[in-house]
């Protein structure tokens, strides 16, 4: 397998730096929700949530992605006030107790704004700036990087990858119009969102059209239902399936993986990086 050297991109995350291209970055998942598909209810207590985040950081997480509302299929939508009530106490504790970059997974610009005021460094928008029309302006105003994820209602496509690229180009136009610079944008193919299991599998094996757009790519497959369908296993028994997607994603050019199991995915990423990036010197 040919080794691939990609240019290093340093992303300014509100006075904290994130370097893409040197190694695969690990984003640890912290859901403070009662109903997330895998760990719902595990970390609704602030002390437990903070302890879990610190444990993931100790295991090697480069970013912690905090979520206050489940996005699983069939989830019950909550108010912005309830979402803020879940996340702000955790943000306040983590910004005081760690220097690690903190991301917020939210679809609401008013929640993003308050979180940014409390010290969040990055916004992860599962509607790719196309859901809440004010989201791009908020990210630009606070000079916060944004993860633009592909999503849609339904699973009908004329051409799956070409349609996804068109979605990203629309999102990028929105970002540019709001004043978000290219070096503060990450793309996420949105595995598990607006796609059938078969489509998810296809996208995971055909990331090249998204990689070719020239932005860092985040792959978020951890414990997802497509893996459950392949393995016939419940969410917390899908780690090995997740590791397979991590390795294959890195081999195609993914720069970051969003995962529940930080230690194990980091180990898999280190070995894959040594092969793909040639950055191991034994």
C-alpha atoms as a PDB file:
ATOM      1  CA  UNK A   1       0.000   0.000   0.000  1.00  0.00           C
ATOM      2  CA  UNK A   2       1.387   3.395  -0.975  1.00  0.00           C
ATOM      3  CA  UNK A   3       2.073   5.797   1.849  1.00  0.00           C
ATOM      4  CA  UNK A   4       0.209   9.074   1.624  1.00  0.00           C
ATOM      5  CA  UNK A   5       1.614  12.399   2.778  1.00  0.00           C
ATOM      6  CA  UNK A   6      -1.010  15.086   3.156  1.00  0.00           C
ATOM      7  CA  UNK A   7      -0.324  18.729   3.965  1.00  0.00           C
ATOM      8  CA  UNK A   8      -0.638  19.666   7.615  1.00  0.00           C
ATOM      9  CA  UNK A   9      -3.513  22.055   8.285  1.00  0.00           C
ATOM     10  CA  UNK A  10      -3.519  23.903  11.606  1.00  0.00           C
ATOM     11  CA  UNK A  11      -7.047  24.834  12.658  1.00  0.00           C
ATOM     12  CA  UNK A  12      -7.509  27.653  15.142  1.00  0.00           C
ATOM     13  CA  UNK A  13     -10.180  26.523  17.600  1.00  0.00           C
ATOM     14  CA  UNK A  14     -10.706  29.765  19.467  1.00  0.00           C
ATOM     15  CA  UNK A  15      -7.082  30.070  20.641  1.00  0.00           C
ATOM     16  CA  UNK A  16      -6.490  26.322  20.778  1.00  0.00           C
ATOM     17  CA  UNK A  17      -4.801  24.540  17.908  1.00  0.00           C
ATOM     18  CA  UNK A  18      -5.791  21.354  16.099  1.00  0.00           C
ATOM     19  CA  UNK A  19      -3.352  19.943  13.529  1.00  0.00           C
ATOM     20  CA  UNK A  20      -4.786  17.854  10.686  1.00  0.00           C
ATOM     21  CA  UNK A  21      -2.511  15.743   8.512  1.00  0.00           C
ATOM     22  CA  UNK A  22       0.109  14.670  11.061  1.00  0.00           C
ATOM     23  CA  UNK A  23      -1.961  11.841  12.514  1.00  0.00           C
ATOM     24  CA  UNK A  24      -5.565  10.697  12.773  1.00  0.00           C
ATOM     25  CA  UNK A  25      -7.368  12.744  15.417  1.00  0.00           C
ATOM     26  CA  UNK A  26      -9.744  11.156  17.912  1.00  0.00           C
ATOM     27  CA  UNK A  27     -13.019  12.835  18.885  1.00  0.00           C
ATOM     28  CA  UNK A  28     -14.510  11.259  22.000  1.00  0.00           C
ATOM     29  CA  UNK A  29     -18.299  11.134  22.327  1.00  0.00           C
ATOM     30  CA  UNK A  30     -19.922  12.534  25.472  1.00  0.00           C
ATOM     31  CA  UNK A  31     -23.717  12.278  25.401  1.00  0.00           C
ATOM     32  CA  UNK A  32     -25.442  13.870  28.383  1.00  0.00           C
ATOM     33  CA  UNK A  33     -28.802  12.593  27.171  1.00  0.00           C
ATOM     34  CA  UNK A  34     -31.254  10.052  28.604  1.00  0.00           C
ATOM     35  CA  UNK A  35     -32.071   8.531  25.208  1.00  0.00           C
ATOM     36  CA  UNK A  36     -29.006   8.319  22.933  1.00  0.00           C
ATOM     37  CA  UNK A  37     -28.919   5.013  21.050  1.00  0.00           C
ATOM     38  CA  UNK A  38     -25.798   3.618  22.713  1.00  0.00           C
ATOM     39  CA  UNK A  39     -25.077   5.376  26.001  1.00  0.00           C
ATOM     40  CA  UNK A  40     -28.355   7.156  26.774  1.00  0.00           C
ATOM     41  CA  UNK A  41     -28.674   7.775  30.499  1.00  0.00           C
ATOM     42  CA  UNK A  42     -25.075   6.812  31.283  1.00  0.00           C
ATOM     43  CA  UNK A  43     -23.794  10.359  31.754  1.00  0.00           C
ATOM     44  CA  UNK A  44     -26.777  12.559  32.638  1.00  0.00           C
ATOM     45  CA  UNK A  45     -25.190  13.343  36.023  1.00  0.00           C
ATOM     46  CA  UNK A  46     -22.698  16.218  35.713  1.00  0.00           C
ATOM     47  CA  UNK A  47     -20.010  14.565  37.828  1.00  0.00           C
ATOM     48  CA  UNK A  48     -20.224  11.316  35.845  1.00  0.00           C
ATOM     49  CA  UNK A  49     -20.175  13.223  32.539  1.00  0.00           C
ATOM     50  CA  UNK A  50     -17.093  15.201  33.520  1.00  0.00           C
ATOM     51  CA  UNK A  51     -15.336  12.089  34.830  1.00  0.00           C
ATOM     52  CA  UNK A  52     -16.036  10.262  31.563  1.00  0.00           C
ATOM     53  CA  UNK A  53     -14.722  13.178  29.493  1.00  0.00           C
ATOM     54  CA  UNK A  54     -11.550  13.335  31.576  1.00  0.00           C
ATOM     55  CA  UNK A  55     -11.115   9.573  31.204  1.00  0.00           C
ATOM     56  CA  UNK A  56     -11.399   9.839  27.404  1.00  0.00           C
ATOM     57  CA  UNK A  57      -8.845  12.663  27.435  1.00  0.00           C
ATOM     58  CA  UNK A  58      -6.519  10.491  29.508  1.00  0.00           C
ATOM     59  CA  UNK A  59      -6.951   7.729  26.925  1.00  0.00           C
ATOM     60  CA  UNK A  60      -5.884  10.105  24.156  1.00  0.00           C
ATOM     61  CA  UNK A  61      -8.935  12.000  22.858  1.00  0.00           C
ATOM     62  CA  UNK A  62      -7.946  15.152  20.957  1.00  0.00           C
ATOM     63  CA  UNK A  63     -11.472  16.577  21.067  1.00  0.00           C
ATOM     64  CA  UNK A  64     -14.506  15.902  23.257  1.00  0.00           C
ATOM     65  CA  UNK A  65     -17.842  16.160  21.407  1.00  0.00           C
ATOM     66  CA  UNK A  66     -20.631  17.010  23.827  1.00  0.00           C
ATOM     67  CA  UNK A  67     -24.254  16.332  22.931  1.00  0.00           C
ATOM     68  CA  UNK A  68     -27.341  17.392  24.876  1.00  0.00           C
ATOM     69  CA  UNK A  69     -30.029  16.089  22.533  1.00  0.00           C
ATOM     70  CA  UNK A  70     -30.232  12.661  20.945  1.00  0.00           C
ATOM     71  CA  UNK A  71     -30.263  12.501  17.154  1.00  0.00           C
ATOM     72  CA  UNK A  72     -31.127   8.809  16.940  1.00  0.00           C
ATOM     73  CA  UNK A  73     -34.129   7.865  14.761  1.00  0.00           C
ATOM     74  CA  UNK A  74     -37.387   8.411  16.640  1.00  0.00           C
ATOM     75  CA  UNK A  75     -35.853  10.589  19.349  1.00  0.00           C
ATOM     76  CA  UNK A  76     -38.072  12.981  21.291  1.00  0.00           C
ATOM     77  CA  UNK A  77     -37.207  16.578  20.485  1.00  0.00           C
ATOM     78  CA  UNK A  78     -36.483  18.814  23.460  1.00  0.00           C
ATOM     79  CA  UNK A  79     -36.490  22.589  23.937  1.00  0.00           C
ATOM     80  CA  UNK A  80     -33.417  24.783  23.682  1.00  0.00           C
ATOM     81  CA  UNK A  81     -33.768  25.518  27.395  1.00  0.00           C
ATOM     82  CA  UNK A  82     -33.645  21.825  28.266  1.00  0.00           C
ATOM     83  CA  UNK A  83     -30.649  21.282  26.003  1.00  0.00           C
ATOM     84  CA  UNK A  84     -28.813  24.184  27.616  1.00  0.00           C
ATOM     85  CA  UNK A  85     -29.685  22.895  31.060  1.00  0.00           C
ATOM     86  CA  UNK A  86     -27.980  19.621  30.223  1.00  0.00           C
ATOM     87  CA  UNK A  87     -24.825  20.961  28.585  1.00  0.00           C
ATOM     88  CA  UNK A  88     -23.848  24.248  30.253  1.00  0.00           C
ATOM     89  CA  UNK A  89     -22.922  22.795  33.675  1.00  0.00           C
ATOM     90  CA  UNK A  90     -20.728  20.219  31.914  1.00  0.00           C
ATOM     91  CA  UNK A  91     -19.113  22.846  29.664  1.00  0.00           C
ATOM     92  CA  UNK A  92     -18.357  25.059  32.663  1.00  0.00           C
ATOM     93  CA  UNK A  93     -16.684  22.202  34.527  1.00  0.00           C
ATOM     94  CA  UNK A  94     -14.686  20.949  31.538  1.00  0.00           C
ATOM     95  CA  UNK A  95     -13.413  24.377  30.489  1.00  0.00           C
ATOM     96  CA  UNK A  96     -12.181  24.824  34.071  1.00  0.00           C
ATOM     97  CA  UNK A  97     -10.653  21.347  34.410  1.00  0.00           C
ATOM     98  CA  UNK A  98      -9.059  20.622  31.022  1.00  0.00           C
ATOM     99  CA  UNK A  99      -7.329  22.350  28.143  1.00  0.00           C
ATOM    100  CA  UNK A 100      -8.720  19.895  25.583  1.00  0.00           C
ATOM    101  CA  UNK A 101     -10.782  21.205  22.667  1.00  0.00           C
ATOM    102  CA  UNK A 102     -14.509  20.900  23.308  1.00  0.00           C
ATOM    103  CA  UNK A 103     -17.030  20.479  20.489  1.00  0.00           C
ATOM    104  CA  UNK A 104     -20.796  20.841  20.791  1.00  0.00           C
ATOM    105  CA  UNK A 105     -23.156  18.663  18.774  1.00  0.00           C
ATOM    106  CA  UNK A 106     -26.249  20.856  18.299  1.00  0.00           C
ATOM    107  CA  UNK A 107     -28.692  21.926  15.604  1.00  0.00           C
ATOM    108  CA  UNK A 108     -29.772  25.169  17.324  1.00  0.00           C
ATOM    109  CA  UNK A 109     -27.955  28.449  16.797  1.00  0.00           C
ATOM    110  CA  UNK A 110     -29.172  29.863  20.126  1.00  0.00           C
ATOM    111  CA  UNK A 111     -27.729  26.855  21.948  1.00  0.00           C
ATOM    112  CA  UNK A 112     -24.484  27.127  19.971  1.00  0.00           C
ATOM    113  CA  UNK A 113     -24.175  30.814  20.852  1.00  0.00           C
ATOM    114  CA  UNK A 114     -24.623  30.313  24.588  1.00  0.00           C
ATOM    115  CA  UNK A 115     -22.239  27.362  24.546  1.00  0.00           C
ATOM    116  CA  UNK A 116     -19.641  29.451  22.733  1.00  0.00           C
ATOM    117  CA  UNK A 117     -20.069  32.164  25.364  1.00  0.00           C
ATOM    118  CA  UNK A 118     -19.322  29.496  27.987  1.00  0.00           C
ATOM    119  CA  UNK A 119     -16.133  28.396  26.241  1.00  0.00           C
ATOM    120  CA  UNK A 120     -16.993  25.715  23.665  1.00  0.00           C
ATOM    121  CA  UNK A 121     -14.406  25.709  20.874  1.00  0.00           C
ATOM    122  CA  UNK A 122     -16.169  24.040  17.927  1.00  0.00           C
ATOM    123  CA  UNK A 123     -19.706  23.385  16.629  1.00  0.00           C
ATOM    124  CA  UNK A 124     -20.799  20.059  15.147  1.00  0.00           C
ATOM    125  CA  UNK A 125     -23.970  20.589  13.076  1.00  0.00           C
ATOM    126  CA  UNK A 126     -25.734  17.449  11.852  1.00  0.00           C
ATOM    127  CA  UNK A 127     -27.654  19.532   9.324  1.00  0.00           C
ATOM    128  CA  UNK A 128     -24.542  21.031   7.766  1.00  0.00           C
ATOM    129  CA  UNK A 129     -25.548  24.697   8.286  1.00  0.00           C
ATOM    130  CA  UNK A 130     -28.724  24.052   6.274  1.00  0.00           C
ATOM    131  CA  UNK A 131     -31.082  23.486   9.212  1.00  0.00           C
ATOM    132  CA  UNK A 132     -30.930  26.625  11.346  1.00  0.00           C
ATOM    133  CA  UNK A 133     -30.323  29.632   9.047  1.00  0.00           C
ATOM    134  CA  UNK A 134     -28.493  31.509  11.811  1.00  0.00           C
ATOM    135  CA  UNK A 135     -25.980  28.765  12.638  1.00  0.00           C
ATOM    136  CA  UNK A 136     -23.346  29.848  10.128  1.00  0.00           C
ATOM    137  CA  UNK A 137     -23.467  33.448  11.323  1.00  0.00           C
ATOM    138  CA  UNK A 138     -23.030  32.364  14.942  1.00  0.00           C
ATOM    139  CA  UNK A 139     -19.997  30.221  14.102  1.00  0.00           C
ATOM    140  CA  UNK A 140     -18.481  33.055  12.070  1.00  0.00           C
ATOM    141  CA  UNK A 141     -19.128  35.651  14.760  1.00  0.00           C
ATOM    142  CA  UNK A 142     -17.355  33.599  17.421  1.00  0.00           C
ATOM    143  CA  UNK A 143     -14.641  32.419  14.987  1.00  0.00           C
ATOM    144  CA  UNK A 144     -15.502  28.819  15.810  1.00  0.00           C
ATOM    145  CA  UNK A 145     -14.698  25.893  13.520  1.00  0.00           C
ATOM    146  CA  UNK A 146     -17.696  23.931  12.300  1.00  0.00           C
ATOM    147  CA  UNK A 147     -18.277  20.311  11.359  1.00  0.00           C
ATOM    148  CA  UNK A 148     -20.584  20.255   8.333  1.00  0.00           C
ATOM    149  CA  UNK A 149     -22.368  16.900   8.263  1.00  0.00           C
ATOM    150  CA  UNK A 150     -24.329  15.524   5.330  1.00  0.00           C
ATOM    151  CA  UNK A 151     -27.975  14.873   6.118  1.00  0.00           C
ATOM    152  CA  UNK A 152     -31.354  14.812   4.418  1.00  0.00           C
ATOM    153  CA  UNK A 153     -34.952  13.777   4.981  1.00  0.00           C
ATOM    154  CA  UNK A 154     -35.508  10.383   3.376  1.00  0.00           C
ATOM    155  CA  UNK A 155     -33.085   8.135   1.534  1.00  0.00           C
ATOM    156  CA  UNK A 156     -33.819   8.853  -2.156  1.00  0.00           C
ATOM    157  CA  UNK A 157     -30.847   9.884  -4.303  1.00  0.00           C
ATOM    158  CA  UNK A 158     -30.263  10.361  -8.011  1.00  0.00           C
ATOM    159  CA  UNK A 159     -26.583   9.543  -7.500  1.00  0.00           C
ATOM    160  CA  UNK A 160     -25.559   8.997  -3.884  1.00  0.00           C
ATOM    161  CA  UNK A 161     -22.037  10.402  -3.862  1.00  0.00           C
ATOM    162  CA  UNK A 162     -22.726  13.148  -6.411  1.00  0.00           C
ATOM    163  CA  UNK A 163     -25.783  14.256  -4.423  1.00  0.00           C
ATOM    164  CA  UNK A 164     -23.707  14.335  -1.238  1.00  0.00           C
ATOM    165  CA  UNK A 165     -21.066  16.462  -2.930  1.00  0.00           C
ATOM    166  CA  UNK A 166     -23.788  18.877  -4.075  1.00  0.00           C
ATOM    167  CA  UNK A 167     -25.057  19.089  -0.487  1.00  0.00           C
ATOM    168  CA  UNK A 168     -21.571  19.909   0.770  1.00  0.00           C
ATOM    169  CA  UNK A 169     -21.057  22.553  -1.895  1.00  0.00           C
ATOM    170  CA  UNK A 170     -24.305  24.225  -0.831  1.00  0.00           C
ATOM    171  CA  UNK A 171     -23.210  24.123   2.821  1.00  0.00           C
ATOM    172  CA  UNK A 172     -19.801  25.507   1.909  1.00  0.00           C
ATOM    173  CA  UNK A 173     -21.432  28.392   0.051  1.00  0.00           C
ATOM    174  CA  UNK A 174     -23.490  29.172   3.174  1.00  0.00           C
ATOM    175  CA  UNK A 175     -20.339  29.029   5.315  1.00  0.00           C
ATOM    176  CA  UNK A 176     -18.383  31.299   2.977  1.00  0.00           C
ATOM    177  CA  UNK A 177     -21.214  33.792   2.730  1.00  0.00           C
ATOM    178  CA  UNK A 178     -21.332  34.007   6.528  1.00  0.00           C
ATOM    179  CA  UNK A 179     -17.586  34.548   6.694  1.00  0.00           C
ATOM    180  CA  UNK A 180     -16.378  31.137   7.902  1.00  0.00           C
ATOM    181  CA  UNK A 181     -12.920  30.593   6.362  1.00  0.00           C
ATOM    182  CA  UNK A 182     -11.948  27.328   4.691  1.00  0.00           C
ATOM    183  CA  UNK A 183      -9.420  26.521   7.408  1.00  0.00           C
ATOM    184  CA  UNK A 184     -12.234  26.305   9.979  1.00  0.00           C
ATOM    185  CA  UNK A 185     -14.389  23.743   8.152  1.00  0.00           C
ATOM    186  CA  UNK A 186     -14.549  19.963   8.612  1.00  0.00           C
ATOM    187  CA  UNK A 187     -16.775  17.658   6.523  1.00  0.00           C
ATOM    188  CA  UNK A 188     -18.629  14.613   7.847  1.00  0.00           C
ATOM    189  CA  UNK A 189     -20.341  12.146   5.436  1.00  0.00           C
ATOM    190  CA  UNK A 190     -23.129  11.598   7.967  1.00  0.00           C
ATOM    191  CA  UNK A 191     -23.140   7.824   8.361  1.00  0.00           C
ATOM    192  CA  UNK A 192     -26.549   6.818   9.709  1.00  0.00           C
ATOM    193  CA  UNK A 193     -28.320   9.997   8.617  1.00  0.00           C
ATOM    194  CA  UNK A 194     -30.601  10.112   5.566  1.00  0.00           C
ATOM    195  CA  UNK A 195     -29.228   6.822   4.290  1.00  0.00           C
ATOM    196  CA  UNK A 196     -30.216   3.176   4.256  1.00  0.00           C
ATOM    197  CA  UNK A 197     -27.800   0.623   5.744  1.00  0.00           C
ATOM    198  CA  UNK A 198     -26.734  -0.306   2.221  1.00  0.00           C
ATOM    199  CA  UNK A 199     -26.085   3.339   1.395  1.00  0.00           C
ATOM    200  CA  UNK A 200     -24.097   3.767   4.614  1.00  0.00           C
ATOM    201  CA  UNK A 201     -21.889   0.822   3.677  1.00  0.00           C
ATOM    202  CA  UNK A 202     -21.356   2.236   0.194  1.00  0.00           C
ATOM    203  CA  UNK A 203     -20.400   5.677   1.512  1.00  0.00           C
ATOM    204  CA  UNK A 204     -17.960   4.186   4.025  1.00  0.00           C
ATOM    205  CA  UNK A 205     -16.171   2.484   1.152  1.00  0.00           C
ATOM    206  CA  UNK A 206     -16.258   5.439  -1.260  1.00  0.00           C
ATOM    207  CA  UNK A 207     -15.085   8.520   0.662  1.00  0.00           C
ATOM    208  CA  UNK A 208     -12.869   9.786  -2.162  1.00  0.00           C
ATOM    209  CA  UNK A 209     -15.339  12.334  -3.677  1.00  0.00           C
ATOM    210  CA  UNK A 210     -15.673  13.947  -0.242  1.00  0.00           C
ATOM    211  CA  UNK A 211     -11.936  13.808   0.492  1.00  0.00           C
ATOM    212  CA  UNK A 212     -11.312  15.473  -2.875  1.00  0.00           C
ATOM    213  CA  UNK A 213     -13.245  18.578  -1.804  1.00  0.00           C
ATOM    214  CA  UNK A 214     -10.081  19.448   0.085  1.00  0.00           C
ATOM    215  CA  UNK A 215     -11.303  19.773   3.670  1.00  0.00           C
ATOM    216  CA  UNK A 216     -10.503  17.619   6.699  1.00  0.00           C
ATOM    217  CA  UNK A 217     -12.981  14.746   6.914  1.00  0.00           C
ATOM    218  CA  UNK A 218     -14.509  13.413  10.115  1.00  0.00           C
ATOM    219  CA  UNK A 219     -15.852   9.860  10.079  1.00  0.00           C
ATOM    220  CA  UNK A 220     -18.499   9.067  12.699  1.00  0.00           C
ATOM    221  CA  UNK A 221     -19.473   5.399  12.571  1.00  0.00           C
ATOM    222  CA  UNK A 222     -19.082   4.372  16.196  1.00  0.00           C
ATOM    223  CA  UNK A 223     -21.540   1.631  17.272  1.00  0.00           C
ATOM    224  CA  UNK A 224     -24.065   2.720  14.644  1.00  0.00           C
ATOM    225  CA  UNK A 225     -27.038   0.648  13.559  1.00  0.00           C
ATOM    226  CA  UNK A 226     -25.526  -0.319  10.206  1.00  0.00           C
ATOM    227  CA  UNK A 227     -22.779  -2.113  12.111  1.00  0.00           C
ATOM    228  CA  UNK A 228     -25.466  -3.726  14.235  1.00  0.00           C
ATOM    229  CA  UNK A 229     -27.190  -5.038  11.127  1.00  0.00           C
ATOM    230  CA  UNK A 230     -23.939  -6.467   9.799  1.00  0.00           C
ATOM    231  CA  UNK A 231     -22.909  -8.038  13.110  1.00  0.00           C
ATOM    232  CA  UNK A 232     -26.348  -8.730  14.618  1.00  0.00           C
ATOM    233  CA  UNK A 233     -25.124  -7.231  17.892  1.00  0.00           C
ATOM    234  CA  UNK A 234     -26.376  -4.500  20.282  1.00  0.00           C
ATOM    235  CA  UNK A 235     -24.641  -1.081  20.369  1.00  0.00           C
ATOM    236  CA  UNK A 236     -22.132  -1.756  23.135  1.00  0.00           C
ATOM    237  CA  UNK A 237     -20.878  -4.896  21.381  1.00  0.00           C
ATOM    238  CA  UNK A 238     -20.006  -3.150  18.105  1.00  0.00           C
ATOM    239  CA  UNK A 239     -16.505  -1.967  18.968  1.00  0.00           C
ATOM    240  CA  UNK A 240     -14.704  -4.356  16.614  1.00  0.00           C
ATOM    241  CA  UNK A 241     -17.014  -3.291  13.790  1.00  0.00           C
ATOM    242  CA  UNK A 242     -16.247   0.327  14.594  1.00  0.00           C
ATOM    243  CA  UNK A 243     -12.506  -0.413  14.522  1.00  0.00           C
ATOM    244  CA  UNK A 244     -12.856  -1.866  11.028  1.00  0.00           C
ATOM    245  CA  UNK A 245     -14.493   1.336   9.784  1.00  0.00           C
ATOM    246  CA  UNK A 246     -11.853   3.459  11.523  1.00  0.00           C
ATOM    247  CA  UNK A 247      -9.037   1.630   9.742  1.00  0.00           C
ATOM    248  CA  UNK A 248     -10.761   1.700   6.347  1.00  0.00           C
ATOM    249  CA  UNK A 249     -11.685   5.364   6.768  1.00  0.00           C
ATOM    250  CA  UNK A 250      -8.099   6.364   7.553  1.00  0.00           C
ATOM    251  CA  UNK A 251      -6.876   4.341   4.577  1.00  0.00           C
ATOM    252  CA  UNK A 252      -9.149   6.401   2.327  1.00  0.00           C
ATOM    253  CA  UNK A 253      -8.057   9.746   3.796  1.00  0.00           C
ATOM    254  CA  UNK A 254     -10.257  10.480   6.824  1.00  0.00           C
ATOM    255  CA  UNK A 255      -8.531  12.840   9.257  1.00  0.00           C
ATOM    256  CA  UNK A 256     -10.594  12.342  12.412  1.00  0.00           C
ATOM    257  CA  UNK A 257     -12.872   9.664  13.860  1.00  0.00           C
ATOM    258  CA  UNK A 258     -15.692  10.281  16.325  1.00  0.00           C
ATOM    259  CA  UNK A 259     -15.890   7.336  18.707  1.00  0.00           C
ATOM    260  CA  UNK A 260     -17.186   6.001  22.008  1.00  0.00           C
ATOM    261  CA  UNK A 261     -14.163   3.735  22.630  1.00  0.00           C
ATOM    262  CA  UNK A 262     -11.221   6.117  22.559  1.00  0.00           C
ATOM    263  CA  UNK A 263      -8.349   3.876  23.687  1.00  0.00           C
ATOM    264  CA  UNK A 264      -9.103   1.080  21.255  1.00  0.00           C
ATOM    265  CA  UNK A 265      -9.710   3.340  18.248  1.00  0.00           C
ATOM    266  CA  UNK A 266      -6.564   5.326  18.999  1.00  0.00           C
ATOM    267  CA  UNK A 267      -4.513   2.131  18.964  1.00  0.00           C
ATOM    268  CA  UNK A 268      -6.043   1.088  15.645  1.00  0.00           C
ATOM    269  CA  UNK A 269      -5.424   4.585  14.254  1.00  0.00           C
ATOM    270  CA  UNK A 270      -1.769   4.590  15.331  1.00  0.00           C
ATOM    271  CA  UNK A 271      -1.062   1.357  13.493  1.00  0.00           C
ATOM    272  CA  UNK A 272      -2.981   2.500  10.414  1.00  0.00           C
ATOM    273  CA  UNK A 273      -1.174   5.853  10.448  1.00  0.00           C
ATOM    274  CA  UNK A 274       2.175   4.063  10.593  1.00  0.00           C
ATOM    275  CA  UNK A 275       1.218   2.168   7.417  1.00  0.00           C
ATOM    276  CA  UNK A 276      -0.651   4.903   5.550  1.00  0.00           C
ATOM    277  CA  UNK A 277       1.207   8.042   6.636  1.00  0.00           C
ATOM    278  CA  UNK A 278       4.584   6.455   7.310  1.00  0.00           C
ATOM    279  CA  UNK A 279       4.938   8.482  10.509  1.00  0.00           C
ATOM    280  CA  UNK A 280       6.302   5.701  12.708  1.00  0.00           C
ATOM    281  CA  UNK A 281      10.013   5.484  13.203  1.00  0.00           C
ATOM    282  CA  UNK A 282      10.895   2.321  15.060  1.00  0.00           C
END
